[in-house]
């Protein structure tokens, strides 16, 4: 799942951005839609705060967002990145995918709370029909999806 809506603070490191208190009801609404499973989350504050709504999380830094510099044209850069175009100073796609693959292998069936770009990149690598750019552009905060061998479905979606 993607974390809840964060308060964007350009002067602060993105790992320290907190959830927007005005939108935590969107996270609470997901509780009944998600299965009861262990919770694993990124070490970024907004992911930890989201994960705690579903249980005491195991924090795994490999679920962090794609490493990249701050940019005012984030949407354009993310779309280029997800199309496989080189984006200066962004974490290589192969490294980001490998991180998430390692988490899934190590933790098995769980609720994973992560971030939009890395989630889109990973899911597009294991769900052949998924277009990473389209998936990313339609993601909400929060947003939860269930993936099994035969199904890939949105469980519920939060706000914009």
Protein backbone atom coordinates (compact mmCIF):
# COMPACT_ATOMS: atom_id res chain seq x y z
CA UNK A 1 0.00 0.00 0.00
CA UNK A 2 0.98 3.61 -0.47
CA UNK A 3 1.23 5.72 2.66
CA UNK A 4 -1.35 8.32 3.64
CA UNK A 5 -1.21 11.92 2.53
CA UNK A 6 1.83 13.76 3.87
CA UNK A 7 2.49 17.37 4.69
CA UNK A 8 5.03 18.44 2.05
CA UNK A 9 7.84 20.41 3.63
CA UNK A 10 10.41 21.20 0.90
CA UNK A 11 12.89 22.52 3.47
CA UNK A 12 12.83 19.23 5.43
CA UNK A 13 14.23 15.87 4.32
CA UNK A 14 11.42 13.86 2.69
CA UNK A 15 11.98 11.05 5.17
CA UNK A 16 10.75 13.35 7.93
CA UNK A 17 7.49 14.44 6.31
CA UNK A 18 4.58 13.56 8.59
CA UNK A 19 1.03 12.55 7.78
CA UNK A 20 -1.51 15.29 7.19
CA UNK A 21 -3.81 15.04 10.22
CA UNK A 22 -6.74 16.30 8.12
CA UNK A 23 -6.62 13.08 6.05
CA UNK A 24 -6.01 10.26 8.54
CA UNK A 25 -9.65 9.17 8.19
CA UNK A 26 -8.69 7.88 4.73
CA UNK A 27 -6.21 5.50 6.40
CA UNK A 28 -8.66 4.44 9.10
CA UNK A 29 -11.20 3.59 6.38
CA UNK A 30 -8.78 1.01 4.96
CA UNK A 31 -8.62 -1.07 8.14
CA UNK A 32 -11.72 -3.10 7.27
CA UNK A 33 -10.54 -3.65 3.68
CA UNK A 34 -7.13 -5.06 4.53
CA UNK A 35 -6.49 -8.63 5.66
CA UNK A 36 -4.97 -9.23 9.08
CA UNK A 37 -1.30 -9.74 8.38
CA UNK A 38 2.04 -8.61 9.75
CA UNK A 39 2.83 -5.01 8.79
CA UNK A 40 6.16 -4.04 7.21
CA UNK A 41 6.95 -0.44 6.31
CA UNK A 42 9.53 1.97 5.03
CA UNK A 43 11.64 3.87 7.54
CA UNK A 44 10.24 7.17 6.27
CA UNK A 45 8.01 8.91 8.83
CA UNK A 46 4.81 9.06 6.75
CA UNK A 47 5.01 5.31 6.06
CA UNK A 48 5.63 4.45 9.71
CA UNK A 49 2.73 6.65 10.82
CA UNK A 50 0.46 5.01 8.22
CA UNK A 51 1.56 1.47 9.12
CA UNK A 52 0.77 1.95 12.81
CA UNK A 53 -2.94 2.14 11.94
CA UNK A 54 -2.73 -1.57 11.01
CA UNK A 55 -0.53 -2.91 13.80
CA UNK A 56 2.98 -2.52 15.17
CA UNK A 57 5.13 -2.47 12.04
CA UNK A 58 8.46 -4.03 11.27
CA UNK A 59 10.49 -1.20 9.80
CA UNK A 60 12.53 -2.16 6.75
CA UNK A 61 14.50 0.68 5.11
CA UNK A 62 14.48 -1.18 1.78
CA UNK A 63 10.85 -0.04 1.36
CA UNK A 64 11.99 3.61 1.11
CA UNK A 65 11.00 5.73 -1.85
CA UNK A 66 13.32 5.84 -4.85
CA UNK A 67 16.40 7.86 -3.95
CA UNK A 68 16.36 11.13 -5.89
CA UNK A 69 17.07 14.83 -5.50
CA UNK A 70 14.33 17.39 -4.88
CA UNK A 71 12.86 18.69 -8.12
CA UNK A 72 10.09 21.14 -8.96
CA UNK A 73 9.07 19.01 -11.96
CA UNK A 74 8.54 15.82 -9.96
CA UNK A 75 5.66 14.47 -12.07
CA UNK A 76 7.62 14.76 -15.32
CA UNK A 77 10.72 13.21 -13.75
CA UNK A 78 8.77 10.30 -12.23
CA UNK A 79 7.09 9.55 -15.57
CA UNK A 80 10.46 9.57 -17.34
CA UNK A 81 11.93 7.32 -14.66
CA UNK A 82 9.05 4.83 -14.81
CA UNK A 83 9.38 4.69 -18.62
CA UNK A 84 12.97 3.58 -18.12
CA UNK A 85 14.58 6.82 -19.23
CA UNK A 86 17.74 7.85 -17.37
CA UNK A 87 17.10 10.61 -14.84
CA UNK A 88 20.22 12.28 -13.44
CA UNK A 89 21.00 11.41 -9.81
CA UNK A 90 18.03 9.03 -9.42
CA UNK A 91 18.53 5.55 -7.98
CA UNK A 92 18.88 2.99 -10.79
CA UNK A 93 15.64 1.09 -11.38
CA UNK A 94 17.38 -2.26 -10.99
CA UNK A 95 18.53 -1.32 -7.48
CA UNK A 96 15.10 -0.07 -6.41
CA UNK A 97 13.39 -3.22 -7.71
CA UNK A 98 15.97 -5.43 -6.02
CA UNK A 99 15.32 -3.74 -2.67
CA UNK A 100 11.59 -4.43 -2.84
CA UNK A 101 12.08 -7.98 -4.13
CA UNK A 102 14.32 -8.63 -1.12
CA UNK A 103 11.72 -7.30 1.30
CA UNK A 104 8.97 -9.48 -0.20
CA UNK A 105 11.21 -12.54 -0.09
CA UNK A 106 12.27 -11.90 3.52
CA UNK A 107 8.85 -11.02 4.97
CA UNK A 108 6.42 -13.07 2.84
CA UNK A 109 2.68 -12.40 3.08
CA UNK A 110 2.27 -9.06 4.80
CA UNK A 111 0.88 -5.58 4.49
CA UNK A 112 3.68 -3.50 2.97
CA UNK A 113 3.52 0.27 3.44
CA UNK A 114 5.74 2.04 0.97
CA UNK A 115 5.81 4.93 -1.53
CA UNK A 116 4.31 5.64 -4.94
CA UNK A 117 7.27 5.55 -7.30
CA UNK A 118 8.97 2.46 -5.91
CA UNK A 119 5.60 0.69 -5.57
CA UNK A 120 4.73 1.42 -9.20
CA UNK A 121 8.15 0.31 -10.42
CA UNK A 122 8.02 -2.95 -8.49
CA UNK A 123 4.44 -3.90 -9.35
CA UNK A 124 5.02 -3.22 -13.05
CA UNK A 125 7.93 -5.65 -12.91
CA UNK A 126 5.76 -8.52 -11.59
CA UNK A 127 2.34 -7.76 -13.10
CA UNK A 128 2.77 -7.97 -16.89
CA UNK A 129 -0.42 -6.03 -17.73
CA UNK A 130 0.49 -3.06 -15.52
CA UNK A 131 1.68 0.20 -17.06
CA UNK A 132 3.88 1.80 -14.37
CA UNK A 133 3.24 5.39 -15.47
CA UNK A 134 -0.52 4.98 -15.60
CA UNK A 135 -0.58 3.12 -12.27
CA UNK A 136 1.54 5.82 -10.61
CA UNK A 137 -0.56 8.65 -12.04
CA UNK A 138 -3.75 7.05 -10.66
CA UNK A 139 -2.38 6.27 -7.19
CA UNK A 140 -3.93 7.99 -4.22
CA UNK A 141 -2.71 8.61 -0.69
CA UNK A 142 -3.38 6.17 0.85
CA UNK A 143 -4.03 3.43 -1.65
CA UNK A 144 -4.12 -0.32 -1.05
CA UNK A 145 -3.85 -3.16 -3.52
CA UNK A 146 -3.97 -6.91 -3.12
CA UNK A 147 -1.68 -9.05 -5.18
CA UNK A 148 -1.95 -12.81 -5.41
CA UNK A 149 -1.02 -15.35 -8.05
CA UNK A 150 -4.25 -14.80 -9.98
CA UNK A 151 -5.51 -11.37 -8.84
CA UNK A 152 -4.43 -7.77 -8.66
CA UNK A 153 -7.17 -5.57 -7.22
CA UNK A 154 -7.55 -2.22 -5.52
CA UNK A 155 -8.90 -2.79 -2.04
CA UNK A 156 -9.83 0.81 -1.47
CA UNK A 157 -8.50 4.23 -2.23
CA UNK A 158 -8.03 7.29 -0.10
CA UNK A 159 -8.10 10.91 -1.10
CA UNK A 160 -6.18 12.52 -3.92
